[in-house]
């Protein structure tokens, strides 16, 4: 069965960087569109970035404003999110999602930005 495992979260200082990974198995990663979402306490889950199966990317500009970079390595069945210039408002649980033809979610990784 499909499995998505996020890693790389943790505590970062404002202005710092983190790199999240989403390692997948159990489905044909290369044909899937992949996305990063996040959910802060008391807020709805929101899209952060998306990379399609041709590696074309889109971003939630309001949320990340050029600070984040999404990428994928089809040879490793893994998606990444490079997060730079982190802000306290980036604090959330970050989830990866695979979609088309089916939809799969990971369990999430906590990112906390605080001094």
N, C-alpha and C. Protein backbone atom coordinates (compact mmCIF):
# COMPACT_ATOMS: atom_id res chain seq x y z
N UNK A 1 0.83 -1.18 0.00
CA UNK A 1 0.00 0.00 0.00
C UNK A 1 0.88 1.25 0.00
N UNK A 2 0.26 2.36 -0.37
CA UNK A 2 1.01 3.61 -0.46
C UNK A 2 1.44 4.09 0.91
N UNK A 3 2.65 4.64 0.94
CA UNK A 3 3.17 5.18 2.19
C UNK A 3 3.94 6.45 1.88
N UNK A 4 3.67 7.51 2.67
CA UNK A 4 4.38 8.78 2.56
C UNK A 4 4.90 9.12 3.95
N UNK A 5 6.18 9.36 4.05
CA UNK A 5 6.79 9.65 5.35
C UNK A 5 7.55 10.96 5.27
N UNK A 6 7.07 11.95 6.01
CA UNK A 6 7.76 13.24 6.07
C UNK A 6 8.85 13.21 7.13
N UNK A 7 9.90 13.95 6.87
CA UNK A 7 10.98 14.10 7.85
C UNK A 7 11.66 15.44 7.64
N UNK A 8 12.49 15.81 8.61
CA UNK A 8 13.25 17.05 8.49
C UNK A 8 12.70 18.21 9.28
N UNK A 9 11.55 18.01 9.90
CA UNK A 9 11.00 19.08 10.72
C UNK A 9 11.77 19.22 12.02
N UNK A 10 11.39 20.23 12.78
CA UNK A 10 12.05 20.48 14.06
C UNK A 10 11.94 21.93 14.44
N UNK A 11 12.83 22.34 15.30
CA UNK A 11 12.86 23.72 15.79
C UNK A 11 13.89 24.52 15.01
N UNK A 12 13.48 25.67 14.53
CA UNK A 12 14.39 26.57 13.82
C UNK A 12 14.19 27.99 14.35
N UNK A 13 15.24 28.77 14.26
CA UNK A 13 15.15 30.17 14.66
C UNK A 13 14.62 31.01 13.50
N UNK A 14 13.99 32.11 13.81
CA UNK A 14 13.58 33.02 12.73
C UNK A 14 14.78 33.38 11.85
N UNK A 15 14.55 33.32 10.55
CA UNK A 15 15.63 33.56 9.59
C UNK A 15 16.40 32.31 9.22
N UNK A 16 16.14 31.23 9.91
CA UNK A 16 16.84 29.98 9.64
C UNK A 16 16.23 29.19 8.49
N UNK A 17 16.76 28.00 8.29
CA UNK A 17 16.33 27.14 7.18
C UNK A 17 16.08 25.72 7.68
N UNK A 18 15.21 25.05 7.00
CA UNK A 18 14.97 23.63 7.18
C UNK A 18 14.69 23.02 5.81
N UNK A 19 15.00 21.74 5.69
CA UNK A 19 14.68 21.02 4.47
C UNK A 19 13.83 19.81 4.83
N UNK A 20 12.62 19.80 4.34
CA UNK A 20 11.72 18.69 4.57
C UNK A 20 11.84 17.68 3.43
N UNK A 21 11.67 16.42 3.78
CA UNK A 21 11.64 15.34 2.79
C UNK A 21 10.33 14.57 2.93
N UNK A 22 9.86 14.08 1.82
CA UNK A 22 8.69 13.19 1.80
C UNK A 22 9.10 11.95 1.03
N UNK A 23 9.43 10.92 1.75
CA UNK A 23 9.82 9.65 1.14
C UNK A 23 8.60 8.79 0.91
N UNK A 24 8.48 8.25 -0.29
CA UNK A 24 7.27 7.50 -0.63
C UNK A 24 7.58 6.08 -1.06
N UNK A 25 6.57 5.24 -0.99
CA UNK A 25 6.66 3.87 -1.47
C UNK A 25 5.27 3.35 -1.73
N UNK A 26 5.18 2.28 -2.48
CA UNK A 26 3.90 1.63 -2.69
C UNK A 26 3.06 2.16 -3.83
N UNK A 27 3.57 3.12 -4.57
CA UNK A 27 2.87 3.61 -5.75
C UNK A 27 3.92 4.18 -6.71
N UNK A 28 3.48 4.44 -7.94
CA UNK A 28 4.40 4.91 -8.98
C UNK A 28 4.59 6.41 -8.82
N UNK A 29 5.59 6.76 -8.04
CA UNK A 29 5.82 8.15 -7.67
C UNK A 29 5.90 9.07 -8.89
N UNK A 30 6.56 8.62 -9.92
CA UNK A 30 6.88 9.51 -11.05
C UNK A 30 5.64 10.03 -11.77
N UNK A 31 4.51 9.33 -11.68
CA UNK A 31 3.33 9.79 -12.40
C UNK A 31 2.43 10.67 -11.55
N UNK A 32 2.77 10.78 -10.26
CA UNK A 32 1.91 11.52 -9.34
C UNK A 32 2.32 12.98 -9.24
N UNK A 33 1.30 13.82 -9.08
CA UNK A 33 1.52 15.21 -8.70
C UNK A 33 1.69 15.25 -7.18
N UNK A 34 2.64 16.02 -6.72
CA UNK A 34 2.96 16.03 -5.29
C UNK A 34 2.80 17.45 -4.74
N UNK A 35 2.40 17.51 -3.48
CA UNK A 35 2.18 18.82 -2.86
C UNK A 35 2.62 18.80 -1.41
N UNK A 36 2.94 19.98 -0.92
CA UNK A 36 3.16 20.22 0.51
C UNK A 36 2.00 21.08 1.01
N UNK A 37 1.44 20.68 2.12
CA UNK A 37 0.43 21.44 2.82
C UNK A 37 0.94 21.69 4.24
N UNK A 38 0.31 22.63 4.91
CA UNK A 38 0.62 22.83 6.32
C UNK A 38 -0.65 23.22 7.08
N UNK A 39 -0.63 22.92 8.36
CA UNK A 39 -1.75 23.25 9.21
C UNK A 39 -1.23 23.77 10.54
N UNK A 40 -1.53 25.02 10.79
CA UNK A 40 -1.16 25.64 12.06
C UNK A 40 -2.28 25.42 13.07
N UNK A 41 -1.97 25.48 14.35
CA UNK A 41 -3.01 25.27 15.37
C UNK A 41 -4.18 26.23 15.18
N UNK A 42 -5.38 25.67 15.16
CA UNK A 42 -6.58 26.48 15.04
C UNK A 42 -6.88 26.98 13.64
N UNK A 43 -6.09 26.55 12.68
CA UNK A 43 -6.29 27.01 11.30
C UNK A 43 -6.55 25.84 10.38
N UNK A 44 -7.08 26.15 9.22
CA UNK A 44 -7.32 25.13 8.22
C UNK A 44 -6.01 24.75 7.52
N UNK A 45 -5.99 23.54 7.02
CA UNK A 45 -4.84 23.10 6.24
C UNK A 45 -4.77 23.92 4.95
N UNK A 46 -3.56 24.37 4.61
CA UNK A 46 -3.42 25.18 3.41
C UNK A 46 -2.31 24.63 2.52
N UNK A 47 -2.48 24.85 1.23
CA UNK A 47 -1.46 24.46 0.27
C UNK A 47 -0.26 25.37 0.39
N UNK A 48 0.92 24.79 0.39
CA UNK A 48 2.16 25.55 0.43
C UNK A 48 2.81 25.57 -0.95
N UNK A 49 2.96 24.41 -1.55
CA UNK A 49 3.64 24.30 -2.84
C UNK A 49 3.24 23.00 -3.51
N UNK A 50 3.28 23.02 -4.82
CA UNK A 50 2.92 21.85 -5.60
C UNK A 50 3.95 21.66 -6.70
N UNK A 51 4.26 20.39 -6.98
CA UNK A 51 5.12 20.06 -8.10
C UNK A 51 4.46 18.93 -8.86
N UNK A 52 4.22 19.13 -10.14
CA UNK A 52 3.49 18.12 -10.88
C UNK A 52 4.43 17.04 -11.39
N UNK A 53 3.88 16.10 -12.13
CA UNK A 53 4.70 14.96 -12.57
C UNK A 53 5.67 15.34 -13.68
N UNK A 54 5.62 16.59 -14.13
CA UNK A 54 6.63 17.11 -15.06
C UNK A 54 7.57 18.10 -14.38
N UNK A 55 7.50 18.14 -13.06
CA UNK A 55 8.34 19.01 -12.24
C UNK A 55 8.02 20.49 -12.39
N UNK A 56 6.84 20.79 -12.85
CA UNK A 56 6.41 22.19 -12.87
C UNK A 56 5.90 22.54 -11.48
N UNK A 57 6.25 23.72 -11.02
CA UNK A 57 5.95 24.09 -9.64
C UNK A 57 5.00 25.27 -9.55
N UNK A 58 4.20 25.25 -8.50
CA UNK A 58 3.38 26.40 -8.15
C UNK A 58 3.46 26.59 -6.64
N UNK A 59 3.29 27.81 -6.21
CA UNK A 59 3.42 28.16 -4.80
C UNK A 59 2.26 29.00 -4.33
N UNK A 60 1.99 28.87 -3.04
CA UNK A 60 1.07 29.76 -2.38
C UNK A 60 1.88 31.01 -2.04
N UNK A 61 1.84 31.97 -2.94
CA UNK A 61 2.72 33.13 -2.77
C UNK A 61 2.43 33.88 -1.48
N UNK A 62 1.16 33.90 -1.09
CA UNK A 62 0.83 34.61 0.15
C UNK A 62 1.50 33.96 1.34
N UNK A 63 1.69 32.64 1.26
CA UNK A 63 2.25 31.93 2.39
C UNK A 63 3.77 31.93 2.40
N UNK A 64 4.37 31.80 1.22
CA UNK A 64 5.81 31.55 1.21
C UNK A 64 6.62 32.65 0.54
N UNK A 65 6.00 33.41 -0.35
CA UNK A 65 6.61 34.61 -0.92
C UNK A 65 8.07 34.42 -1.33
N UNK A 66 8.32 33.36 -2.09
CA UNK A 66 9.64 33.14 -2.65
C UNK A 66 10.66 32.57 -1.69
N UNK A 67 10.25 32.21 -0.49
CA UNK A 67 11.20 31.70 0.50
C UNK A 67 11.37 30.19 0.42
N UNK A 68 10.38 29.50 -0.14
CA UNK A 68 10.39 28.04 -0.17
C UNK A 68 10.62 27.54 -1.59
N UNK A 69 11.27 26.38 -1.70
CA UNK A 69 11.50 25.75 -2.99
C UNK A 69 11.09 24.28 -2.90
N UNK A 70 10.20 23.88 -3.77
CA UNK A 70 9.78 22.47 -3.82
C UNK A 70 10.52 21.78 -4.95
N UNK A 71 10.91 20.54 -4.73
CA UNK A 71 11.59 19.76 -5.75
C UNK A 71 11.26 18.30 -5.57
N UNK A 72 11.64 17.49 -6.53
CA UNK A 72 11.38 16.06 -6.46
C UNK A 72 12.54 15.32 -7.11
N UNK A 73 12.75 14.11 -6.63
CA UNK A 73 13.74 13.20 -7.21
C UNK A 73 13.02 11.89 -7.51
N UNK A 74 12.65 11.71 -8.75
CA UNK A 74 11.88 10.52 -9.10
C UNK A 74 12.71 9.24 -8.93
N UNK A 75 14.02 9.35 -9.00
CA UNK A 75 14.86 8.16 -8.83
C UNK A 75 14.86 7.69 -7.37
N UNK A 76 14.52 8.61 -6.46
CA UNK A 76 14.47 8.28 -5.03
C UNK A 76 13.05 8.25 -4.49
N UNK A 77 12.07 8.49 -5.38
CA UNK A 77 10.65 8.51 -4.95
C UNK A 77 10.44 9.48 -3.79
N UNK A 78 11.08 10.62 -3.88
CA UNK A 78 11.08 11.57 -2.77
C UNK A 78 10.83 12.99 -3.26
N UNK A 79 10.08 13.73 -2.46
CA UNK A 79 9.85 15.15 -2.70
C UNK A 79 10.49 15.93 -1.56
N UNK A 80 10.90 17.15 -1.86
CA UNK A 80 11.58 17.98 -0.87
C UNK A 80 10.93 19.35 -0.79
N UNK A 81 11.12 19.99 0.35
CA UNK A 81 10.74 21.38 0.51
C UNK A 81 11.86 22.10 1.25
N UNK A 82 12.57 22.95 0.52
CA UNK A 82 13.61 23.78 1.13
C UNK A 82 12.96 25.05 1.63
N UNK A 83 13.07 25.27 2.92
CA UNK A 83 12.42 26.42 3.54
C UNK A 83 13.50 27.36 4.08
N UNK A 84 13.53 28.56 3.55
CA UNK A 84 14.53 29.56 3.93
C UNK A 84 13.84 30.76 4.58
N UNK A 85 14.65 31.54 5.29
CA UNK A 85 14.15 32.75 5.95
C UNK A 85 12.85 32.45 6.71
N UNK A 86 12.91 31.44 7.52
CA UNK A 86 11.71 31.01 8.25
C UNK A 86 11.21 32.08 9.20
N UNK A 87 9.90 32.11 9.34
CA UNK A 87 9.23 33.08 10.21
C UNK A 87 8.37 32.34 11.23
N UNK A 88 8.08 32.97 12.36
CA UNK A 88 7.23 32.30 13.36
C UNK A 88 5.90 31.84 12.78
N UNK A 89 5.38 32.57 11.82
CA UNK A 89 4.10 32.17 11.21
C UNK A 89 4.20 30.95 10.32
N UNK A 90 5.41 30.46 10.09
CA UNK A 90 5.59 29.19 9.37
C UNK A 90 5.41 27.98 10.29
N UNK A 91 5.26 28.22 11.57
CA UNK A 91 5.06 27.13 12.52
C UNK A 91 3.77 26.39 12.20
N UNK A 92 3.90 25.10 11.98
CA UNK A 92 2.75 24.28 11.57
C UNK A 92 3.21 22.83 11.46
N UNK A 93 2.24 21.96 11.29
CA UNK A 93 2.54 20.59 10.87
C UNK A 93 2.50 20.59 9.34
N UNK A 94 3.56 20.08 8.74
CA UNK A 94 3.69 20.04 7.29
C UNK A 94 3.39 18.63 6.80
N UNK A 95 2.52 18.56 5.80
CA UNK A 95 2.09 17.28 5.24
C UNK A 95 2.46 17.21 3.76
N UNK A 96 2.79 16.03 3.31
CA UNK A 96 2.91 15.84 1.87
C UNK A 96 1.71 15.06 1.36
N UNK A 97 1.39 15.33 0.12
CA UNK A 97 0.22 14.74 -0.52
C UNK A 97 0.59 14.29 -1.91
N UNK A 98 0.11 13.12 -2.29
CA UNK A 98 0.26 12.62 -3.64
C UNK A 98 -1.13 12.54 -4.26
N UNK A 99 -1.23 12.96 -5.52
CA UNK A 99 -2.55 12.88 -6.14
C UNK A 99 -2.47 12.56 -7.61
N UNK A 100 -3.48 11.90 -8.07
CA UNK A 100 -3.74 11.43 -9.41
C UNK A 100 -2.87 10.26 -9.80
N UNK A 101 -3.51 9.11 -9.94
CA UNK A 101 -4.96 8.88 -9.96
C UNK A 101 -5.60 8.71 -8.58
N UNK A 102 -4.83 8.43 -7.55
CA UNK A 102 -5.39 8.32 -6.21
C UNK A 102 -4.83 9.44 -5.36
N UNK A 103 -5.35 9.57 -4.16
CA UNK A 103 -4.86 10.60 -3.24
C UNK A 103 -4.31 9.93 -1.99
N UNK A 104 -3.08 10.30 -1.64
CA UNK A 104 -2.44 9.77 -0.44
C UNK A 104 -1.87 10.93 0.36
N UNK A 105 -1.90 10.79 1.69
CA UNK A 105 -1.34 11.80 2.59
C UNK A 105 -0.31 11.15 3.51
N UNK A 106 0.67 11.94 3.88
CA UNK A 106 1.58 11.53 4.93
C UNK A 106 1.03 11.90 6.29
N UNK A 107 1.78 11.54 7.34
CA UNK A 107 1.34 11.78 8.71
C UNK A 107 1.75 13.15 9.23
N UNK A 108 2.65 13.79 8.55
CA UNK A 108 3.04 15.14 8.93
C UNK A 108 4.31 15.21 9.74
N UNK A 109 4.96 16.36 9.68
CA UNK A 109 6.14 16.63 10.49
C UNK A 109 6.01 18.04 11.06
N UNK A 110 6.33 18.18 12.32
CA UNK A 110 6.16 19.46 13.00
C UNK A 110 7.33 20.38 12.69
N UNK A 111 7.00 21.61 12.32
CA UNK A 111 7.99 22.67 12.15
C UNK A 111 7.64 23.78 13.13
N UNK A 112 8.60 24.14 13.96
CA UNK A 112 8.40 25.21 14.93
C UNK A 112 9.48 26.26 14.71
N UNK A 113 9.06 27.48 14.50
CA UNK A 113 10.00 28.58 14.30
C UNK A 113 9.87 29.53 15.48
N UNK A 114 10.92 29.58 16.26
CA UNK A 114 10.88 30.37 17.49
C UNK A 114 12.29 30.69 17.93
N UNK A 115 12.44 31.84 18.54
CA UNK A 115 13.74 32.20 19.12
C UNK A 115 13.81 31.76 20.58
